[in-house]
């Protein structure tokens, strides 16, 4: 049994919440537009942000709204623009050195490690069969041709085809397969035993168990846990010296959750992706991996698409008037941990919060303020 596991999924809320967010966002945008003339005369609390083309007054309003509880229990907000840290604020008792649980943002970090491992030759191909790495499991239930076809690529894209209802039910529901899996004596056997009900590669279905399989594959390929491999090949380059990462056992890090970072370090990771994996002329993550892993490879639902353990908003968001473009990608975790990356505006926004299953509270920050905080593209 994994005693470190926590709820880790992510989903957009229902239509009623969406309508509320659209309405509130339109009101806010109208209000900000009406006050534009006063911005030039205002002495901002965020001069560095203004130097980088952001609206200091709008940022003040955002911080005030967070303080007032408009977006639930936000713990931290960090914004980077043009590779500069321009805003760093903490709320509800949080502070700069506080390492926040990333929950499923861990998945996006794990994905980056796979890109590095692939480039270093530790993994021959993403099209290797998954079962090649689990030959010690000799009594797998519901074995069929589809299960034998599952590859590393299918695990990364959440398209393995297993019967798994993680986003269909609240995490508080004992019938959610996440809870059944977390209570299993052997959680890997539990995943491998699940029936494969859809041909691999044809349908996306969110499954944290797949991330746990990936962590094992990474360890078997590189000889290091995800935490140790990240230390040498990712975190050290970013200047991330303090973190923690829970583990399945002595040698294998949890793959679907378990990483704890400060909000600034979370943003640093996002900036690396915004810079196409390059840092000070060093290609930390292959540029090709950054592109493909964050692309809209398949639809998770009508509002969101999925890449290799990264989310991306769909064109439906543009149609609904929430976004002007569908190029924002992000890592997201339970409670409202969201790392947004906006290539068009050269913007990274890291938010940590304690909002439980109501992700719409945290997401509303993006709808309400993205179009207003940027003055100069």
Protein backbone atom coordinates (compact mmCIF):
# COMPACT_ATOMS: atom_id res chain seq x y z
CA UNK A 1 0.00 0.00 0.00
CA UNK A 2 1.22 3.48 -0.83
CA UNK A 3 0.83 5.62 2.28
CA UNK A 4 2.13 8.73 0.49
CA UNK A 5 -0.57 8.88 -2.17
CA UNK A 6 -2.95 11.81 -2.37
CA UNK A 7 -5.70 12.84 -4.74
CA UNK A 8 -4.02 13.83 -7.95
CA UNK A 9 -6.47 14.28 -10.80
CA UNK A 10 -7.66 17.35 -12.60
CA UNK A 11 -10.81 18.31 -14.42
CA UNK A 12 -12.72 21.40 -15.49
CA UNK A 13 -15.95 21.95 -13.61
CA UNK A 14 -19.47 21.92 -15.03
CA UNK A 15 -21.28 24.36 -17.28
CA UNK A 16 -22.90 26.34 -14.46
CA UNK A 17 -19.47 27.14 -13.04
CA UNK A 18 -18.20 27.99 -16.51
CA UNK A 19 -21.04 30.47 -17.07
CA UNK A 20 -20.30 32.08 -13.70
CA UNK A 21 -16.64 32.46 -14.60
CA UNK A 22 -17.42 33.94 -18.02
CA UNK A 23 -19.83 36.44 -16.49
CA UNK A 24 -17.46 37.53 -13.73
CA UNK A 25 -14.58 37.77 -16.18
CA UNK A 26 -16.54 40.00 -18.54
CA UNK A 27 -17.53 42.30 -15.68
CA UNK A 28 -13.93 42.56 -14.50
CA UNK A 29 -12.61 43.20 -17.99
CA UNK A 30 -15.15 45.98 -18.48
CA UNK A 31 -14.21 47.53 -15.14
CA UNK A 32 -10.51 47.44 -15.86
CA UNK A 33 -11.06 48.87 -19.33
CA UNK A 34 -12.99 51.79 -17.83
CA UNK A 35 -10.09 52.57 -15.50
CA UNK A 36 -7.30 52.35 -18.08
CA UNK A 37 -6.78 56.11 -18.17
CA UNK A 38 -5.71 56.14 -14.52
CA UNK A 39 -3.00 53.49 -14.91
CA UNK A 40 -0.34 55.84 -16.22
CA UNK A 41 -0.55 58.06 -13.13
CA UNK A 42 -0.50 55.22 -10.63
CA UNK A 43 2.67 54.39 -8.70
CA UNK A 44 2.63 50.60 -8.93
CA UNK A 45 3.71 48.18 -6.24
CA UNK A 46 5.21 46.12 -9.06
CA UNK A 47 7.62 48.36 -11.00
CA UNK A 48 9.62 45.42 -12.34
CA UNK A 49 6.44 43.92 -13.75
CA UNK A 50 5.67 47.21 -15.45
CA UNK A 51 9.19 47.33 -16.90
CA UNK A 52 8.39 43.96 -18.47
CA UNK A 53 5.15 45.18 -20.03
CA UNK A 54 2.63 44.16 -17.37
CA UNK A 55 -0.08 46.28 -15.81
CA UNK A 56 0.94 47.01 -12.24
CA UNK A 57 -2.50 48.21 -11.18
CA UNK A 58 -4.20 45.09 -12.53
CA UNK A 59 -1.70 42.98 -10.61
CA UNK A 60 -2.56 44.89 -7.44
CA UNK A 61 -6.24 44.17 -8.02
CA UNK A 62 -5.45 40.52 -8.57
CA UNK A 63 -3.51 40.32 -5.31
CA UNK A 64 -6.31 42.16 -3.48
CA UNK A 65 -8.88 39.74 -4.90
CA UNK A 66 -6.79 36.79 -3.74
CA UNK A 67 -6.45 38.35 -0.29
CA UNK A 68 -10.22 38.76 -0.19
CA UNK A 69 -10.76 35.07 -0.91
CA UNK A 70 -12.26 35.59 -4.36
CA UNK A 71 -10.32 32.58 -5.66
CA UNK A 72 -10.58 30.38 -2.61
CA UNK A 73 -7.54 29.54 -0.49
CA UNK A 74 -4.67 30.58 -2.74
CA UNK A 75 -1.30 29.98 -1.11
CA UNK A 76 1.11 31.56 -3.58
CA UNK A 77 1.27 33.39 -6.89
CA UNK A 78 4.46 33.73 -8.91
CA UNK A 79 4.66 35.38 -12.34
CA UNK A 80 7.62 35.43 -14.72
CA UNK A 81 7.69 37.63 -17.83
CA UNK A 82 10.47 37.77 -20.39
CA UNK A 83 12.44 35.38 -18.16
CA UNK A 84 12.22 37.81 -15.24
CA UNK A 85 10.60 37.13 -11.87
CA UNK A 86 8.16 40.05 -11.72
CA UNK A 87 5.67 39.05 -9.01
CA UNK A 88 5.99 36.82 -5.95
CA UNK A 89 3.18 36.88 -3.40
CA UNK A 90 2.12 34.53 -0.61
CA UNK A 91 -1.23 34.16 1.12
CA UNK A 92 -3.04 32.33 3.90
CA UNK A 93 0.05 31.69 5.99
CA UNK A 94 2.30 30.52 3.17
CA UNK A 95 5.81 31.88 2.71
CA UNK A 96 8.71 31.90 0.26
CA UNK A 97 10.51 28.85 1.61
CA UNK A 98 7.38 26.74 1.87
CA UNK A 99 7.59 23.65 -0.31
CA UNK A 100 4.10 23.02 -1.64
CA UNK A 101 2.80 19.62 -2.72
CA UNK A 102 2.64 19.70 -6.51
CA UNK A 103 0.29 16.72 -6.67
CA UNK A 104 -0.22 15.98 -10.39
CA UNK A 105 2.12 18.73 -11.57
CA UNK A 106 4.60 15.97 -10.66
CA UNK A 107 3.42 14.22 -13.82
CA UNK A 108 4.69 17.06 -16.00
CA UNK A 109 8.10 16.93 -14.32
CA UNK A 110 8.19 13.16 -14.86
CA UNK A 111 7.41 13.75 -18.53
CA UNK A 112 10.40 16.09 -18.80
CA UNK A 113 12.61 13.40 -17.32
CA UNK A 114 11.46 10.99 -20.00
CA UNK A 115 12.47 13.47 -22.67
CA UNK A 116 15.92 13.70 -21.12
CA UNK A 117 16.25 9.94 -20.68
CA UNK A 118 15.22 9.35 -24.28
CA UNK A 119 17.80 11.85 -25.55
CA UNK A 120 20.52 10.23 -23.43
CA UNK A 121 19.75 6.82 -24.91
CA UNK A 122 18.47 5.23 -21.72
CA UNK A 123 15.18 4.52 -23.47
CA UNK A 124 15.38 3.17 -26.99
CA UNK A 125 11.92 4.14 -28.17
CA UNK A 126 8.59 5.35 -26.84
CA UNK A 127 7.04 2.54 -28.85
CA UNK A 128 8.57 -0.16 -26.68
CA UNK A 129 5.89 -2.42 -25.19
CA UNK A 130 5.11 -1.53 -21.59
CA UNK A 131 5.14 -5.16 -20.50
CA UNK A 132 8.84 -5.47 -21.41
CA UNK A 133 9.54 -3.62 -18.17
CA UNK A 134 7.31 -5.76 -15.96
CA UNK A 135 8.38 -9.28 -16.76
CA UNK A 136 8.55 -10.15 -13.06
CA UNK A 137 4.74 -9.97 -13.05
CA UNK A 138 3.97 -13.41 -14.40
CA UNK A 139 0.31 -13.63 -13.42
CA UNK A 140 -1.37 -10.59 -14.98
CA UNK A 141 -5.14 -10.76 -15.13
CA UNK A 142 -7.27 -9.97 -18.20
CA UNK A 143 -4.34 -10.43 -20.53
CA UNK A 144 -5.25 -9.93 -24.19
CA UNK A 145 -3.78 -8.60 -27.43
CA UNK A 146 -4.67 -5.00 -26.56
CA UNK A 147 -2.82 -5.14 -23.26
CA UNK A 148 0.22 -6.51 -25.06
CA UNK A 149 0.08 -3.53 -27.46
CA UNK A 150 0.40 -0.86 -24.74
CA UNK A 151 3.60 1.17 -25.18
CA UNK A 152 5.47 3.83 -23.23
CA UNK A 153 3.90 6.38 -25.57
CA UNK A 154 0.43 5.24 -24.54
CA UNK A 155 1.33 5.63 -20.87
CA UNK A 156 2.62 9.17 -21.42
CA UNK A 157 -0.48 10.16 -23.37
CA UNK A 158 -2.93 8.49 -20.96
CA UNK A 159 -4.24 6.38 -23.84
CA UNK A 160 -3.44 2.86 -22.60
CA UNK A 161 -7.10 1.85 -22.68
CA UNK A 162 -7.44 0.53 -19.12
CA UNK A 163 -10.82 0.56 -17.39
CA UNK A 164 -10.29 3.46 -15.00
CA UNK A 165 -12.80 6.02 -13.67
CA UNK A 166 -10.52 8.54 -11.94
CA UNK A 167 -12.17 11.67 -13.33
CA UNK A 168 -15.71 10.29 -13.40
CA UNK A 169 -16.16 10.43 -9.64
CA UNK A 170 -15.00 12.81 -6.89
CA UNK A 171 -11.85 11.72 -5.10
CA UNK A 172 -13.91 11.63 -1.91
CA UNK A 173 -15.96 8.78 -3.39
CA UNK A 174 -14.66 5.38 -2.29
CA UNK A 175 -15.75 3.96 -5.64
CA UNK A 176 -13.21 6.12 -7.45
CA UNK A 177 -10.64 3.67 -8.77
CA UNK A 178 -7.88 5.95 -7.49
CA UNK A 179 -8.87 5.08 -3.93
CA UNK A 180 -9.13 1.37 -4.68
CA UNK A 181 -5.71 1.47 -6.31
CA UNK A 182 -4.17 3.42 -3.44
CA UNK A 183 -5.38 0.81 -0.97
CA UNK A 184 -4.07 -2.15 -2.98
CA UNK A 185 -1.31 -4.27 -1.45
CA UNK A 186 0.59 -4.14 -4.75
CA UNK A 187 -0.45 -1.05 -6.68
CA UNK A 188 1.53 -2.03 -9.79
CA UNK A 189 -0.17 -5.41 -9.95
CA UNK A 190 -3.47 -3.58 -9.50
CA UNK A 191 -2.85 -1.43 -12.59
CA UNK A 192 -1.53 -4.26 -14.72
CA UNK A 193 -4.54 -6.42 -13.78
CA UNK A 194 -7.13 -3.86 -14.90
CA UNK A 195 -9.07 -4.84 -18.03
CA UNK A 196 -8.10 -3.04 -21.22
CA UNK A 197 -11.46 -2.03 -22.68
CA UNK A 198 -10.35 0.36 -25.44
CA UNK A 199 -7.67 -0.24 -28.05
CA UNK A 200 -4.48 1.53 -26.90
CA UNK A 201 -3.90 4.86 -28.58
CA UNK A 202 -7.52 5.47 -29.56
CA UNK A 203 -8.96 7.17 -26.48
CA UNK A 204 -7.56 9.31 -23.66
CA UNK A 205 -8.51 8.49 -20.08
CA UNK A 206 -6.84 10.09 -17.07
CA UNK A 207 -5.06 7.42 -15.05
CA UNK A 208 -2.54 8.18 -12.30
CA UNK A 209 -1.61 4.51 -12.21
CA UNK A 210 0.04 4.92 -15.61
CA UNK A 211 2.35 7.55 -14.16
CA UNK A 212 3.42 5.08 -11.49
CA UNK A 213 4.28 2.56 -14.21
CA UNK A 214 6.30 5.26 -15.97
CA UNK A 215 8.31 5.99 -12.85
CA UNK A 216 9.29 2.33 -12.63
CA UNK A 217 10.23 2.31 -16.32
CA UNK A 218 12.40 5.40 -15.79
CA UNK A 219 14.19 3.78 -12.86
CA UNK A 220 14.77 0.50 -14.71
CA UNK A 221 16.06 2.41 -17.75
CA UNK A 222 18.37 4.87 -16.01
CA UNK A 223 19.27 3.04 -12.80
CA UNK A 224 18.05 6.04 -10.78
CA UNK A 225 14.81 7.05 -9.11
CA UNK A 226 12.95 9.94 -10.71
CA UNK A 227 14.06 12.13 -7.80
CA UNK A 228 17.75 11.29 -8.22
CA UNK A 229 17.60 11.52 -12.01
CA UNK A 230 15.91 14.92 -11.71
CA UNK A 231 18.56 16.12 -9.27
CA UNK A 232 21.39 15.47 -11.70
CA UNK A 233 19.73 16.27 -15.00
CA UNK A 234 17.13 18.92 -14.23
CA UNK A 235 17.00 20.50 -10.78
CA UNK A 236 20.72 21.22 -10.48
CA UNK A 237 20.66 23.14 -13.77
CA UNK A 238 17.72 25.23 -12.55
CA UNK A 239 19.33 25.99 -9.20
CA UNK A 240 16.69 23.98 -7.37
CA UNK A 241 18.50 22.75 -4.28
CA UNK A 242 15.65 21.97 -1.89
CA UNK A 243 12.77 19.66 -2.75
CA UNK A 244 11.21 16.42 -1.64
CA UNK A 245 9.67 13.58 -3.62
CA UNK A 246 7.73 10.72 -2.03
CA UNK A 247 8.49 7.17 -3.09
CA UNK A 248 6.77 3.89 -3.82
CA UNK A 249 9.72 2.06 -2.29
CA UNK A 250 13.41 2.63 -1.60
CA UNK A 251 14.36 3.00 -5.27
CA UNK A 252 11.26 4.24 -7.12
CA UNK A 253 9.75 7.71 -6.76
CA UNK A 254 6.02 8.21 -7.01
CA UNK A 255 5.22 9.10 -10.59
CA UNK A 256 1.77 10.65 -10.44
CA UNK A 257 2.24 12.92 -7.43
CA UNK A 258 4.59 13.36 -4.48
CA UNK A 259 6.93 16.16 -5.60
CA UNK A 260 7.17 19.23 -3.36
CA UNK A 261 8.68 22.49 -4.64
CA UNK A 262 8.62 26.13 -3.70
CA UNK A 263 6.40 28.31 -5.88
CA UNK A 264 9.43 30.05 -7.40
CA UNK A 265 11.06 26.74 -8.28
CA UNK A 266 7.79 25.62 -9.81
CA UNK A 267 7.90 28.73 -12.01
CA UNK A 268 11.54 28.09 -12.92
CA UNK A 269 10.54 24.71 -14.31
CA UNK A 270 7.81 26.39 -16.34
CA UNK A 271 10.26 28.98 -17.66
CA UNK A 272 12.54 26.21 -18.88
CA UNK A 273 9.69 24.89 -21.01
CA UNK A 274 8.83 28.38 -22.22
CA UNK A 275 12.49 28.64 -23.32
CA UNK A 276 12.15 25.40 -25.28
CA UNK A 277 14.23 23.45 -22.78
CA UNK A 278 17.27 25.73 -23.09
CA UNK A 279 19.05 27.37 -20.16
CA UNK A 280 22.14 29.57 -20.63
CA UNK A 281 22.98 27.87 -23.95
CA UNK A 282 22.58 24.40 -22.36
CA UNK A 283 19.82 22.25 -23.85
CA UNK A 284 18.52 20.72 -20.62
CA UNK A 285 15.41 19.19 -22.21
CA UNK A 286 15.39 18.44 -25.95
CA UNK A 287 13.49 21.13 -27.83
CA UNK A 288 11.63 18.49 -29.81
CA UNK A 289 10.40 16.95 -26.55
CA UNK A 290 9.14 20.29 -25.25
CA UNK A 291 7.15 20.73 -28.46
CA UNK A 292 5.61 17.30 -28.71
CA UNK A 293 4.96 16.71 -25.01
CA UNK A 294 2.98 19.94 -24.66
CA UNK A 295 1.06 19.63 -27.91
CA UNK A 296 -2.64 18.78 -28.13
CA UNK A 297 -2.15 15.12 -28.95
CA UNK A 298 -5.66 14.06 -27.96
CA UNK A 299 -8.83 15.38 -26.35
CA UNK A 300 -9.36 14.70 -22.64
CA UNK A 301 -12.77 16.39 -22.72
CA UNK A 302 -14.42 19.20 -24.67
CA UNK A 303 -12.49 21.88 -22.76
CA UNK A 304 -9.02 20.39 -22.49
CA UNK A 305 -6.55 18.42 -24.57
CA UNK A 306 -3.64 16.31 -23.43
CA UNK A 307 -0.05 15.77 -24.49
CA UNK A 308 2.55 13.70 -22.66
CA UNK A 309 1.50 14.43 -19.07
CA UNK A 310 0.79 18.07 -19.93
CA UNK A 311 -2.62 19.73 -20.36
CA UNK A 312 -3.61 22.20 -23.05
CA UNK A 313 -6.79 24.23 -23.44
CA UNK A 314 -8.93 23.38 -26.45
CA UNK A 315 -10.47 25.63 -29.07
CA UNK A 316 -13.72 25.36 -27.15
CA UNK A 317 -12.19 27.75 -24.60
CA UNK A 318 -11.71 30.29 -27.38
CA UNK A 319 -15.27 29.75 -28.60
CA UNK A 320 -16.55 30.33 -25.06
CA UNK A 321 -14.71 33.63 -24.86
CA UNK A 322 -12.45 32.58 -22.00
CA UNK A 323 -9.25 32.69 -24.04
CA UNK A 324 -8.22 34.45 -27.22
CA UNK A 325 -5.83 31.64 -28.18
CA UNK A 326 -5.55 27.91 -27.59
CA UNK A 327 -1.77 27.79 -27.14
CA UNK A 328 -1.59 27.90 -23.33
CA UNK A 329 -0.39 24.63 -21.83
CA UNK A 330 -0.09 23.76 -18.17
CA UNK A 331 0.61 21.28 -15.44
CA UNK A 332 -2.16 20.86 -12.89
CA UNK A 333 -2.64 19.08 -9.59
CA UNK A 334 -5.24 18.44 -6.95
CA UNK A 335 -6.26 21.40 -4.84
CA UNK A 336 -5.52 23.94 -7.56
CA UNK A 337 -1.77 23.67 -8.16
CA UNK A 338 -1.43 25.10 -11.67
CA UNK A 339 1.61 25.99 -13.73
CA UNK A 340 0.45 27.98 -16.76
CA UNK A 341 2.80 28.60 -19.68
CA UNK A 342 1.76 31.17 -22.28
CA UNK A 343 4.22 31.35 -25.20
CA UNK A 344 2.38 34.22 -26.93
CA UNK A 345 2.76 36.55 -23.96
CA UNK A 346 6.13 35.06 -22.85
CA UNK A 347 4.48 34.50 -19.48
CA UNK A 348 4.72 31.85 -16.76
CA UNK A 349 2.25 31.87 -13.91
CA UNK A 350 2.58 29.45 -10.98
CA UNK A 351 -0.28 29.21 -8.51
CA UNK A 352 -0.53 26.97 -5.47
CA UNK A 353 -3.75 26.67 -3.51
CA UNK A 354 -5.81 24.57 -1.19
CA UNK A 355 -9.09 24.49 -3.11
CA UNK A 356 -9.88 20.78 -3.01
CA UNK A 357 -11.84 19.52 -6.01
CA UNK A 358 -13.03 22.99 -7.07
CA UNK A 359 -10.40 23.80 -9.67
CA UNK A 360 -12.60 26.50 -11.17
CA UNK A 361 -11.72 28.79 -8.26
CA UNK A 362 -8.03 28.72 -9.13
CA UNK A 363 -8.58 28.72 -12.89
CA UNK A 364 -10.69 31.85 -12.65
CA UNK A 365 -7.47 33.81 -12.07
CA UNK A 366 -6.52 33.11 -15.68
CA UNK A 367 -9.92 33.99 -17.13
CA UNK A 368 -10.25 37.16 -15.08
CA UNK A 369 -6.77 38.62 -15.46
CA UNK A 370 -4.74 37.23 -18.36
CA UNK A 371 -6.08 39.72 -20.89
CA UNK A 372 -5.72 42.65 -18.49
CA UNK A 373 -2.32 42.23 -16.87
CA UNK A 374 -0.43 42.28 -20.16
CA UNK A 375 0.03 45.79 -21.58
CA UNK A 376 2.87 45.27 -24.01
CA UNK A 377 3.29 41.99 -25.88
